[in-house]
């Protein structure tokens, strides 16, 4: 299952794209914790999924969440 989410912000700076899913990294103000995207990625990995990001300068970022297909136990 793939879920695509596009935000309405100014995008992610190139200098952060490779680090945006790390703990304590934030594209916002210094007062932000930088916890949310790390938490999302950590939990997706635990489920066998993943998250990727596409972001061009001054354009909204696009996140793609990939979840494994759930199959009913037999």
N, C-alpha and C. Protein backbone atom coordinates (compact mmCIF):
# COMPACT_ATOMS: atom_id res chain seq x y z
N UNK A 1 0.85 -1.16 0.00
CA UNK A 1 0.00 0.00 0.00
C UNK A 1 0.90 1.23 0.00
N UNK A 2 0.61 2.18 -0.87
CA UNK A 2 1.37 3.42 -0.92
C UNK A 2 0.44 4.58 -0.64
N UNK A 3 0.83 5.41 0.32
CA UNK A 3 0.08 6.61 0.67
C UNK A 3 0.97 7.81 0.34
N UNK A 4 0.44 8.75 -0.42
CA UNK A 4 1.19 9.94 -0.78
C UNK A 4 0.59 11.15 -0.07
N UNK A 5 1.46 11.92 0.58
CA UNK A 5 1.04 13.11 1.30
C UNK A 5 1.88 14.28 0.81
N UNK A 6 1.21 15.33 0.34
CA UNK A 6 1.91 16.54 -0.10
C UNK A 6 1.53 17.66 0.86
N UNK A 7 2.55 18.33 1.40
CA UNK A 7 2.25 19.42 2.33
C UNK A 7 2.08 20.73 1.57
N UNK A 8 1.91 21.81 2.29
CA UNK A 8 1.70 23.12 1.65
C UNK A 8 2.83 24.09 1.97
N UNK A 9 3.91 23.58 2.54
CA UNK A 9 5.01 24.44 2.95
C UNK A 9 5.98 24.76 1.83
N UNK A 10 7.10 25.38 2.20
CA UNK A 10 8.09 25.82 1.21
C UNK A 10 9.06 24.73 0.77
N UNK A 11 8.84 23.51 1.20
CA UNK A 11 9.76 22.43 0.84
C UNK A 11 10.85 22.25 1.88
N UNK A 12 11.68 21.24 1.67
CA UNK A 12 12.78 20.92 2.58
C UNK A 12 14.07 21.41 1.94
N UNK A 13 14.88 22.17 2.67
CA UNK A 13 16.15 22.62 2.10
C UNK A 13 17.04 21.44 1.68
N UNK A 14 17.75 21.59 0.58
CA UNK A 14 18.64 20.53 0.10
C UNK A 14 19.59 20.05 1.18
N UNK A 15 20.05 20.96 2.02
CA UNK A 15 21.01 20.60 3.06
C UNK A 15 20.43 19.64 4.10
N UNK A 16 19.09 19.52 4.19
CA UNK A 16 18.46 18.63 5.17
C UNK A 16 17.87 17.36 4.56
N UNK A 17 17.76 17.29 3.25
CA UNK A 17 17.07 16.14 2.64
C UNK A 17 17.65 14.80 3.07
N UNK A 18 18.96 14.69 3.18
CA UNK A 18 19.58 13.41 3.55
C UNK A 18 19.49 13.12 5.04
N UNK A 19 19.07 14.12 5.84
CA UNK A 19 19.04 13.95 7.29
C UNK A 19 17.66 14.14 7.90
N UNK A 20 16.65 14.41 7.10
CA UNK A 20 15.35 14.84 7.61
C UNK A 20 14.67 13.78 8.49
N UNK A 21 15.02 12.51 8.33
CA UNK A 21 14.40 11.45 9.13
C UNK A 21 15.22 11.10 10.37
N UNK A 22 16.28 11.84 10.65
CA UNK A 22 17.10 11.60 11.84
C UNK A 22 16.46 12.27 13.05
N UNK A 23 16.69 11.69 14.23
CA UNK A 23 16.19 12.27 15.47
C UNK A 23 16.86 13.62 15.71
N UNK A 24 16.10 14.58 16.17
CA UNK A 24 16.55 15.94 16.49
C UNK A 24 16.90 16.78 15.28
N UNK A 25 16.44 16.41 14.09
CA UNK A 25 16.63 17.22 12.89
C UNK A 25 15.27 17.80 12.52
N UNK A 26 15.22 19.11 12.30
CA UNK A 26 13.97 19.78 11.95
C UNK A 26 14.24 20.83 10.90
N UNK A 27 13.31 20.99 9.99
CA UNK A 27 13.45 22.05 8.99
C UNK A 27 12.85 23.35 9.48
N UNK A 28 12.24 23.33 10.67
CA UNK A 28 11.59 24.52 11.20
C UNK A 28 12.49 25.31 12.12
N UNK A 29 11.86 26.02 13.03
CA UNK A 29 12.61 26.86 13.96
C UNK A 29 13.44 26.02 14.92
N UNK A 30 14.36 26.65 15.59
CA UNK A 30 15.24 25.95 16.53
C UNK A 30 14.48 25.35 17.71
N UNK A 31 13.28 25.85 17.99
CA UNK A 31 12.50 25.35 19.13
C UNK A 31 11.79 24.03 18.82
N UNK A 32 11.77 23.61 17.59
CA UNK A 32 11.11 22.35 17.24
C UNK A 32 11.99 21.18 17.64
N UNK A 33 11.37 20.07 18.01
CA UNK A 33 12.12 18.92 18.52
C UNK A 33 12.76 18.07 17.44
N UNK A 34 12.19 18.00 16.25
CA UNK A 34 12.74 17.12 15.24
C UNK A 34 12.50 15.66 15.57
N UNK A 35 11.29 15.36 16.04
CA UNK A 35 10.94 14.02 16.48
C UNK A 35 9.95 13.33 15.55
N UNK A 36 9.07 14.08 14.92
CA UNK A 36 7.94 13.52 14.17
C UNK A 36 8.31 12.62 13.02
N UNK A 37 9.14 13.08 12.09
CA UNK A 37 9.49 12.26 10.93
C UNK A 37 10.35 11.06 11.33
N UNK A 38 11.19 11.24 12.35
CA UNK A 38 11.98 10.11 12.86
C UNK A 38 11.04 9.04 13.41
N UNK A 39 10.02 9.47 14.15
CA UNK A 39 9.06 8.55 14.75
C UNK A 39 8.28 7.80 13.67
N UNK A 40 7.82 8.53 12.66
CA UNK A 40 7.07 7.91 11.56
C UNK A 40 7.92 6.85 10.87
N UNK A 41 9.16 7.21 10.52
CA UNK A 41 10.04 6.27 9.81
C UNK A 41 10.35 5.05 10.68
N UNK A 42 10.64 5.27 11.95
CA UNK A 42 10.95 4.16 12.87
C UNK A 42 9.78 3.18 12.94
N UNK A 43 8.57 3.69 13.07
CA UNK A 43 7.41 2.81 13.17
C UNK A 43 7.10 2.12 11.84
N UNK A 44 7.28 2.82 10.74
CA UNK A 44 7.08 2.16 9.44
C UNK A 44 8.08 1.03 9.25
N UNK A 45 9.33 1.25 9.62
CA UNK A 45 10.34 0.18 9.50
C UNK A 45 9.99 -1.02 10.36
N UNK A 46 9.45 -0.79 11.54
CA UNK A 46 9.04 -1.91 12.42
C UNK A 46 7.94 -2.75 11.77
N UNK A 47 7.12 -2.11 10.95
CA UNK A 47 6.02 -2.81 10.27
C UNK A 47 6.44 -3.39 8.92
N UNK A 48 7.69 -3.16 8.53
CA UNK A 48 8.14 -3.63 7.23
C UNK A 48 7.90 -2.62 6.12
N UNK A 49 7.64 -1.37 6.48
CA UNK A 49 7.37 -0.33 5.49
C UNK A 49 8.53 0.65 5.38
N UNK A 50 8.27 1.76 4.71
CA UNK A 50 9.30 2.78 4.52
C UNK A 50 8.62 4.11 4.20
N UNK A 51 9.40 5.17 4.26
CA UNK A 51 8.93 6.50 3.88
C UNK A 51 10.04 7.17 3.08
N UNK A 52 9.64 7.85 2.01
CA UNK A 52 10.59 8.61 1.21
C UNK A 52 10.04 10.02 1.02
N UNK A 53 10.91 10.92 0.61
CA UNK A 53 10.50 12.31 0.42
C UNK A 53 11.05 12.83 -0.90
N UNK A 54 10.24 13.62 -1.57
CA UNK A 54 10.68 14.36 -2.75
C UNK A 54 10.40 15.83 -2.45
N UNK A 55 11.39 16.67 -2.64
CA UNK A 55 11.20 18.08 -2.35
C UNK A 55 12.10 18.92 -3.24
N UNK A 56 11.49 19.86 -3.94
CA UNK A 56 12.23 20.81 -4.75
C UNK A 56 12.22 22.15 -4.02
N UNK A 57 13.25 22.98 -4.21
CA UNK A 57 13.28 24.28 -3.53
C UNK A 57 12.02 25.10 -3.81
N UNK A 58 11.46 25.65 -2.75
CA UNK A 58 10.29 26.53 -2.82
C UNK A 58 9.03 25.86 -3.34
N UNK A 59 8.96 24.54 -3.26
CA UNK A 59 7.74 23.80 -3.63
C UNK A 59 7.37 22.86 -2.50
N UNK A 60 6.09 22.54 -2.35
CA UNK A 60 5.68 21.63 -1.28
C UNK A 60 6.41 20.28 -1.36
N UNK A 61 6.67 19.71 -0.20
CA UNK A 61 7.31 18.40 -0.13
C UNK A 61 6.27 17.31 -0.35
N UNK A 62 6.71 16.19 -0.90
CA UNK A 62 5.84 15.05 -1.14
C UNK A 62 6.42 13.84 -0.41
N UNK A 63 5.65 13.28 0.51
CA UNK A 63 6.07 12.11 1.28
C UNK A 63 5.33 10.89 0.75
N UNK A 64 6.05 9.78 0.59
CA UNK A 64 5.43 8.52 0.17
C UNK A 64 5.65 7.49 1.26
N UNK A 65 4.56 7.03 1.82
CA UNK A 65 4.61 6.00 2.85
C UNK A 65 4.28 4.67 2.19
N UNK A 66 5.15 3.71 2.38
CA UNK A 66 4.93 2.37 1.83
C UNK A 66 4.67 1.42 2.99
N UNK A 67 3.54 0.75 2.93
CA UNK A 67 3.15 -0.20 3.97
C UNK A 67 3.03 -1.58 3.35
N UNK A 68 3.45 -2.60 4.09
CA UNK A 68 3.29 -3.95 3.55
C UNK A 68 1.80 -4.32 3.50
N UNK A 69 1.47 -5.11 2.54
CA UNK A 69 0.09 -5.57 2.41
C UNK A 69 -0.21 -6.56 3.53
N UNK A 70 -1.30 -6.32 4.23
CA UNK A 70 -1.68 -7.20 5.31
C UNK A 70 -2.46 -8.37 4.76
N UNK A 71 -2.08 -9.54 5.18
CA UNK A 71 -2.82 -10.72 4.75
C UNK A 71 -3.42 -11.37 5.99
N UNK A 72 -4.67 -11.74 5.87
CA UNK A 72 -5.38 -12.36 6.99
C UNK A 72 -4.74 -13.70 7.33
N UNK A 73 -4.42 -13.91 8.62
CA UNK A 73 -3.84 -15.21 9.02
C UNK A 73 -4.81 -16.34 8.72
N UNK A 74 -4.26 -17.48 8.37
CA UNK A 74 -5.12 -18.63 8.05
C UNK A 74 -5.35 -19.49 9.25
